[in-house]
Amino acid sequence: MARKRVKLQWVEDNAARKAMYKKRVNGLMKKVRELSTLCGVDACLITYSPYQPVPEVWPSPTEVEQVVASFRNLPKNDRIKKVLNQEIFIWQRILKARVEAMKQLMKNRKREIENLRTQCLGGRQLEGLESKDVLDLTWAIDNQLEAVKKRIENLSLDVAVDALNNQPLTEQNPNENLGNELGDDVDSDFWSNLQKLS
């Protein structure tokens, strides 16, 4: 049977809140212990609460002091490399949300223009459209025409290559077309003598 999902909100009942705190802290300590054992990292946990007169620590106060001291002995750049305060975290989330919103707006605009292009191909007149829509439609059609031209060029190139590959190879005299390249002003006796020599 699946566990009931807990709503992440303030628990108003004091006894229920205290029980939840105790349960969650025990679970958190278990996770820190597993992390330290499985991954071989130095880890500690300190919790302050109104339910305990002294802070709860894991594994022990002296080991917590050692972990904190080793952290403080690191150079400042290493200590703050991946540290986020609330403000930086929120700004990162806002920036990410803005980028996602911009991507979605561009995607929606592209769909609108595609629908408009399809309607125009079906006979819709451009009258009544805003200038922005007409410009975007023109841009979309130009892009599609460029894509079609490139596709035609690629197909033509493929056909030419296939034709060359399928053409039978014949032995050709290298001097055969030399007269045509030099021009007709060279007399025919010269060519016949040249062919006898070769």
C-alpha atoms as a PDB file:
ATOM      1  CA  MET A   1       0.000   0.000   0.000  1.00  0.00           C
ATOM      2  CA  ALA A   2       1.384   3.417  -0.974  1.00  0.00           C
ATOM      3  CA  ARG A   3       2.252   5.942   1.699  1.00  0.00           C
ATOM      4  CA  LYS A   4       0.060   8.995   2.033  1.00  0.00           C
ATOM      5  CA  ARG A   5       1.771  12.039   0.587  1.00  0.00           C
ATOM      6  CA  VAL A   6       2.529  14.696   3.210  1.00  0.00           C
ATOM      7  CA  LYS A   7       1.713  18.308   2.413  1.00  0.00           C
ATOM      8  CA  LEU A   8       4.722  20.559   2.891  1.00  0.00           C
ATOM      9  CA  GLN A   9       3.182  23.141   5.163  1.00  0.00           C
ATOM     10  CA  TRP A  10       3.347  24.245   8.779  1.00  0.00           C
ATOM     11  CA  VAL A  11       1.860  21.652  11.131  1.00  0.00           C
ATOM     12  CA  GLU A  12      -0.395  23.565  13.522  1.00  0.00           C
ATOM     13  CA  ASP A  13      -0.854  20.862  16.159  1.00  0.00           C
ATOM     14  CA  ASN A  14       2.088  21.062  18.568  1.00  0.00           C
ATOM     15  CA  ALA A  15       2.149  17.336  19.443  1.00  0.00           C
ATOM     16  CA  ALA A  16       1.935  16.282  15.790  1.00  0.00           C
ATOM     17  CA  ARG A  17       4.668  18.783  14.891  1.00  0.00           C
ATOM     18  CA  LYS A  18       6.943  17.440  17.642  1.00  0.00           C
ATOM     19  CA  ALA A  19       6.365  13.835  16.526  1.00  0.00           C
ATOM     20  CA  MET A  20       7.033  14.770  12.903  1.00  0.00           C
ATOM     21  CA  TYR A  21      10.238  16.590  13.887  1.00  0.00           C
ATOM     22  CA  LYS A  22      11.538  13.588  15.811  1.00  0.00           C
ATOM     23  CA  LYS A  23      10.701  11.218  12.938  1.00  0.00           C
ATOM     24  CA  ARG A  24      12.260  13.470  10.292  1.00  0.00           C
ATOM     25  CA  VAL A  25      15.444  14.128  12.288  1.00  0.00           C
ATOM     26  CA  ASN A  26      15.939  10.392  12.816  1.00  0.00           C
ATOM     27  CA  GLY A  27      15.469   9.849   9.064  1.00  0.00           C
ATOM     28  CA  LEU A  28      17.901  12.662   8.272  1.00  0.00           C
ATOM     29  CA  MET A  29      20.532  11.237  10.622  1.00  0.00           C
ATOM     30  CA  LYS A  30      20.107   7.828   9.006  1.00  0.00           C
ATOM     31  CA  LYS A  31      20.674   9.364   5.537  1.00  0.00           C
ATOM     32  CA  VAL A  32      23.806  11.234   6.688  1.00  0.00           C
ATOM     33  CA  ARG A  33      25.151   8.015   8.243  1.00  0.00           C
ATOM     34  CA  GLU A  34      24.488   6.119   4.986  1.00  0.00           C
ATOM     35  CA  LEU A  35      26.155   8.868   2.940  1.00  0.00           C
ATOM     36  CA  SER A  36      29.237   8.832   5.131  1.00  0.00           C
ATOM     37  CA  THR A  37      29.512   5.030   5.131  1.00  0.00           C
ATOM     38  CA  LEU A  38      28.681   4.311   1.492  1.00  0.00           C
ATOM     39  CA  CYS A  39      30.650   7.149  -0.066  1.00  0.00           C
ATOM     40  CA  GLY A  40      33.459   7.475   2.451  1.00  0.00           C
ATOM     41  CA  VAL A  41      32.952  11.200   2.989  1.00  0.00           C
ATOM     42  CA  ASP A  42      33.222  13.279   6.126  1.00  0.00           C
ATOM     43  CA  ALA A  43      29.717  14.327   7.085  1.00  0.00           C
ATOM     44  CA  CYS A  44      27.994  15.639  10.163  1.00  0.00           C
ATOM     45  CA  LEU A  45      24.579  16.847  11.235  1.00  0.00           C
ATOM     46  CA  ILE A  46      23.615  19.523  13.756  1.00  0.00           C
ATOM     47  CA  THR A  47      19.955  20.278  14.519  1.00  0.00           C
ATOM     48  CA  TYR A  48      18.545  22.953  16.806  1.00  0.00           C
ATOM     49  CA  SER A  49      14.967  22.709  17.957  1.00  0.00           C
ATOM     50  CA  PRO A  50      12.666  24.024  20.679  1.00  0.00           C
ATOM     51  CA  TYR A  51      12.045  20.414  21.722  1.00  0.00           C
ATOM     52  CA  GLN A  52      15.603  19.691  22.903  1.00  0.00           C
ATOM     53  CA  PRO A  53      17.578  21.770  25.413  1.00  0.00           C
ATOM     54  CA  VAL A  54      20.864  21.093  23.559  1.00  0.00           C
ATOM     55  CA  PRO A  55      21.467  20.679  19.818  1.00  0.00           C
ATOM     56  CA  GLU A  56      21.405  17.147  18.430  1.00  0.00           C
ATOM     57  CA  VAL A  57      24.591  16.165  16.626  1.00  0.00           C
ATOM     58  CA  TRP A  58      25.760  13.212  14.615  1.00  0.00           C
ATOM     59  CA  PRO A  59      28.155  11.347  14.903  1.00  0.00           C
ATOM     60  CA  SER A  60      29.520  12.977  18.093  1.00  0.00           C
ATOM     61  CA  PRO A  61      30.417  16.514  19.206  1.00  0.00           C
ATOM     62  CA  THR A  62      34.169  15.949  18.786  1.00  0.00           C
ATOM     63  CA  GLU A  63      33.780  14.446  15.291  1.00  0.00           C
ATOM     64  CA  VAL A  64      31.468  17.309  14.302  1.00  0.00           C
ATOM     65  CA  GLU A  65      34.137  19.779  15.459  1.00  0.00           C
ATOM     66  CA  GLN A  66      36.736  17.951  13.328  1.00  0.00           C
ATOM     67  CA  VAL A  67      34.542  18.080  10.212  1.00  0.00           C
ATOM     68  CA  VAL A  68      33.762  21.775  10.722  1.00  0.00           C
ATOM     69  CA  ALA A  69      37.461  22.552  11.401  1.00  0.00           C
ATOM     70  CA  SER A  70      38.583  20.732   8.238  1.00  0.00           C
ATOM     71  CA  PHE A  71      35.974  22.716   6.279  1.00  0.00           C
ATOM     72  CA  ARG A  72      37.175  26.003   7.755  1.00  0.00           C
ATOM     73  CA  ASN A  73      40.802  25.146   6.930  1.00  0.00           C
ATOM     74  CA  LEU A  74      39.974  24.953   3.215  1.00  0.00           C
ATOM     75  CA  PRO A  75      40.836  27.986   1.063  1.00  0.00           C
ATOM     76  CA  LYS A  76      37.935  30.434   0.803  1.00  0.00           C
ATOM     77  CA  ASN A  77      37.407  29.751  -2.930  1.00  0.00           C
ATOM     78  CA  ASP A  78      37.014  26.025  -2.264  1.00  0.00           C
ATOM     79  CA  ARG A  79      34.576  26.672   0.577  1.00  0.00           C
ATOM     80  CA  ILE A  80      32.216  28.882  -1.418  1.00  0.00           C
ATOM     81  CA  LYS A  81      32.596  27.172  -4.809  1.00  0.00           C
ATOM     82  CA  LYS A  82      29.211  25.440  -4.714  1.00  0.00           C
ATOM     83  CA  VAL A  83      27.562  27.305  -1.862  1.00  0.00           C
ATOM     84  CA  LEU A  84      24.280  29.005  -2.661  1.00  0.00           C
ATOM     85  CA  ASN A  85      22.562  31.517  -0.474  1.00  0.00           C
ATOM     86  CA  GLN A  86      18.832  32.066  -0.772  1.00  0.00           C
ATOM     87  CA  GLU A  87      19.182  35.140  -2.994  1.00  0.00           C
ATOM     88  CA  ILE A  88      21.493  33.466  -5.553  1.00  0.00           C
ATOM     89  CA  PHE A  89      19.287  30.377  -5.579  1.00  0.00           C
ATOM     90  CA  ILE A  90      16.155  32.436  -6.248  1.00  0.00           C
ATOM     91  CA  TRP A  91      17.872  34.468  -9.003  1.00  0.00           C
ATOM     92  CA  GLN A  92      19.023  31.253 -10.680  1.00  0.00           C
ATOM     93  CA  ARG A  93      15.468  29.887 -10.550  1.00  0.00           C
ATOM     94  CA  ILE A  94      14.066  33.160 -11.943  1.00  0.00           C
ATOM     95  CA  LEU A  95      16.608  33.166 -14.782  1.00  0.00           C
ATOM     96  CA  LYS A  96      15.858  29.539 -15.605  1.00  0.00           C
ATOM     97  CA  ALA A  97      12.103  30.241 -15.565  1.00  0.00           C
ATOM     98  CA  ARG A  98      12.587  33.258 -17.872  1.00  0.00           C
ATOM     99  CA  VAL A  99      14.628  31.193 -20.342  1.00  0.00           C
ATOM    100  CA  GLU A 100      11.983  28.445 -20.314  1.00  0.00           C
ATOM    101  CA  ALA A 101       9.202  31.023 -20.802  1.00  0.00           C
ATOM    102  CA  MET A 102      11.091  32.601 -23.720  1.00  0.00           C
ATOM    103  CA  LYS A 103      11.584  29.197 -25.353  1.00  0.00           C
ATOM    104  CA  GLN A 104       7.883  28.450 -24.969  1.00  0.00           C
ATOM    105  CA  LEU A 105       6.918  31.846 -26.413  1.00  0.00           C
ATOM    106  CA  MET A 106       9.152  31.243 -29.443  1.00  0.00           C
ATOM    107  CA  LYS A 107       7.704  27.752 -29.878  1.00  0.00           C
ATOM    108  CA  ASN A 108       4.146  29.129 -29.700  1.00  0.00           C
ATOM    109  CA  ARG A 109       4.993  31.908 -32.174  1.00  0.00           C
ATOM    110  CA  LYS A 110       6.469  29.384 -34.590  1.00  0.00           C
ATOM    111  CA  ARG A 111       3.266  27.329 -34.400  1.00  0.00           C
ATOM    112  CA  GLU A 112       1.144  30.446 -34.993  1.00  0.00           C
ATOM    113  CA  ILE A 113       3.155  31.321 -38.098  1.00  0.00           C
ATOM    114  CA  GLU A 114       2.970  27.713 -39.355  1.00  0.00           C
ATOM    115  CA  ASN A 115      -0.824  27.804 -38.933  1.00  0.00           C
ATOM    116  CA  LEU A 116      -0.979  31.157 -40.703  1.00  0.00           C
ATOM    117  CA  ARG A 117       1.171  29.829 -43.577  1.00  0.00           C
ATOM    118  CA  THR A 118      -1.093  26.800 -43.920  1.00  0.00           C
ATOM    119  CA  GLN A 119      -4.162  29.079 -43.979  1.00  0.00           C
ATOM    120  CA  CYS A 120      -2.552  31.269 -46.657  1.00  0.00           C
ATOM    121  CA  LEU A 121      -1.803  28.202 -48.780  1.00  0.00           C
ATOM    122  CA  GLY A 122      -5.469  27.291 -48.356  1.00  0.00           C
ATOM    123  CA  GLY A 123      -6.554  30.622 -49.793  1.00  0.00           C
ATOM    124  CA  ARG A 124      -6.629  33.058 -46.874  1.00  0.00           C
ATOM    125  CA  GLN A 125      -5.857  36.647 -47.857  1.00  0.00           C
ATOM    126  CA  LEU A 126      -3.128  38.630 -46.096  1.00  0.00           C
ATOM    127  CA  GLU A 127      -5.457  41.604 -45.597  1.00  0.00           C
ATOM    128  CA  GLY A 128      -6.121  42.417 -41.983  1.00  0.00           C
ATOM    129  CA  LEU A 129      -2.880  40.888 -40.716  1.00  0.00           C
ATOM    130  CA  GLU A 130      -0.567  42.932 -38.521  1.00  0.00           C
ATOM    131  CA  SER A 131       2.755  43.957 -40.046  1.00  0.00           C
ATOM    132  CA  LYS A 132       4.581  41.814 -37.456  1.00  0.00           C
ATOM    133  CA  ASP A 133       2.653  38.728 -38.626  1.00  0.00           C
ATOM    134  CA  VAL A 134       3.410  39.486 -42.277  1.00  0.00           C
ATOM    135  CA  LEU A 135       7.137  39.938 -41.531  1.00  0.00           C
ATOM    136  CA  ASP A 136       7.293  36.715 -39.535  1.00  0.00           C
ATOM    137  CA  LEU A 137       5.375  34.883 -42.255  1.00  0.00           C
ATOM    138  CA  THR A 138       7.779  36.212 -44.900  1.00  0.00           C
ATOM    139  CA  TRP A 139      10.748  35.131 -42.783  1.00  0.00           C
ATOM    140  CA  ALA A 140       9.274  31.642 -42.304  1.00  0.00           C
ATOM    141  CA  ILE A 141       8.578  31.250 -46.034  1.00  0.00           C
ATOM    142  CA  ASP A 142      12.096  32.458 -46.938  1.00  0.00           C
ATOM    143  CA  ASN A 143      13.599  29.952 -44.509  1.00  0.00           C
ATOM    144  CA  GLN A 144      11.497  27.165 -45.963  1.00  0.00           C
ATOM    145  CA  LEU A 145      12.471  28.140 -49.527  1.00  0.00           C
ATOM    146  CA  GLU A 146      16.160  28.064 -48.540  1.00  0.00           C
ATOM    147  CA  ALA A 147      15.670  24.627 -47.009  1.00  0.00           C
ATOM    148  CA  VAL A 148      13.952  23.408 -50.188  1.00  0.00           C
ATOM    149  CA  LYS A 149      16.758  24.838 -52.383  1.00  0.00           C
ATOM    150  CA  LYS A 150      19.408  23.104 -50.272  1.00  0.00           C
ATOM    151  CA  ARG A 151      17.461  19.852 -50.444  1.00  0.00           C
ATOM    152  CA  ILE A 152      17.192  20.132 -54.252  1.00  0.00           C
ATOM    153  CA  GLU A 153      20.940  20.845 -54.517  1.00  0.00           C
ATOM    154  CA  ASN A 154      21.724  17.821 -52.343  1.00  0.00           C
ATOM    155  CA  LEU A 155      19.401  15.587 -54.359  1.00  0.00           C
ATOM    156  CA  SER A 156      20.875  16.856 -57.661  1.00  0.00           C
ATOM    157  CA  LEU A 157      24.370  16.199 -56.355  1.00  0.00           C
ATOM    158  CA  ASP A 158      23.343  12.701 -55.240  1.00  0.00           C
ATOM    159  CA  VAL A 159      21.855  11.987 -58.689  1.00  0.00           C
ATOM    160  CA  ALA A 160      25.017  13.248 -60.438  1.00  0.00           C
ATOM    161  CA  VAL A 161      27.255  11.136 -58.213  1.00  0.00           C
ATOM    162  CA  ASP A 162      25.066   8.070 -58.800  1.00  0.00           C
ATOM    163  CA  ALA A 163      25.193   8.685 -62.573  1.00  0.00           C
ATOM    164  CA  LEU A 164      28.992   8.922 -62.483  1.00  0.00           C
ATOM    165  CA  ASN A 165      29.255   5.805 -60.350  1.00  0.00           C
ATOM    166  CA  ASN A 166      26.994   3.829 -62.709  1.00  0.00           C
ATOM    167  CA  GLN A 167      28.708   5.029 -65.927  1.00  0.00           C
ATOM    168  CA  PRO A 168      30.752   2.220 -67.565  1.00  0.00           C
ATOM    169  CA  LEU A 169      34.478   2.850 -67.600  1.00  0.00           C
ATOM    170  CA  THR A 170      35.974   2.891 -71.111  1.00  0.00           C
ATOM    171  CA  GLU A 171      39.614   3.103 -72.038  1.00  0.00           C
ATOM    172  CA  GLN A 172      40.171   6.444 -73.619  1.00  0.00           C
ATOM    173  CA  ASN A 173      43.100   7.790 -75.582  1.00  0.00           C
ATOM    174  CA  PRO A 174      44.463  10.753 -73.574  1.00  0.00           C
ATOM    175  CA  ASN A 175      45.171  12.632 -76.854  1.00  0.00           C
ATOM    176  CA  GLU A 176      41.683  12.075 -78.248  1.00  0.00           C
ATOM    177  CA  ASN A 177      40.180  15.354 -77.077  1.00  0.00           C
ATOM    178  CA  LEU A 178      43.408  17.351 -77.234  1.00  0.00           C
ATOM    179  CA  GLY A 179      42.561  18.823 -80.643  1.00  0.00           C
ATOM    180  CA  ASN A 180      39.250  20.122 -79.374  1.00  0.00           C
ATOM    181  CA  GLU A 181      40.954  21.742 -76.404  1.00  0.00           C
ATOM    182  CA  LEU A 182      43.625  23.445 -78.560  1.00  0.00           C
ATOM    183  CA  GLY A 183      41.200  24.517 -81.262  1.00  0.00           C
ATOM    184  CA  ASP A 184      40.471  23.696 -84.882  1.00  0.00           C
ATOM    185  CA  ASP A 185      43.290  25.828 -86.323  1.00  0.00           C
ATOM    186  CA  VAL A 186      45.788  22.933 -85.913  1.00  0.00           C
ATOM    187  CA  ASP A 187      45.873  20.833 -89.108  1.00  0.00           C
ATOM    188  CA  SER A 188      44.626  17.232 -89.149  1.00  0.00           C
ATOM    189  CA  ASP A 189      48.031  15.848 -90.280  1.00  0.00           C
ATOM    190  CA  PHE A 190      49.529  17.019 -87.000  1.00  0.00           C
ATOM    191  CA  TRP A 191      46.956  15.028 -85.025  1.00  0.00           C
ATOM    192  CA  SER A 192      47.313  11.891 -87.083  1.00  0.00           C
ATOM    193  CA  ASN A 193      51.124  12.044 -86.663  1.00  0.00           C
ATOM    194  CA  LEU A 194      50.736  12.616 -82.947  1.00  0.00           C
ATOM    195  CA  GLN A 195      48.421   9.611 -82.609  1.00  0.00           C
ATOM    196  CA  LYS A 196      50.902   7.393 -84.501  1.00  0.00           C
ATOM    197  CA  LEU A 197      53.634   8.417 -82.079  1.00  0.00           C
ATOM    198  CA  SER A 198      51.550   7.591 -79.061  1.00  0.00           C
END
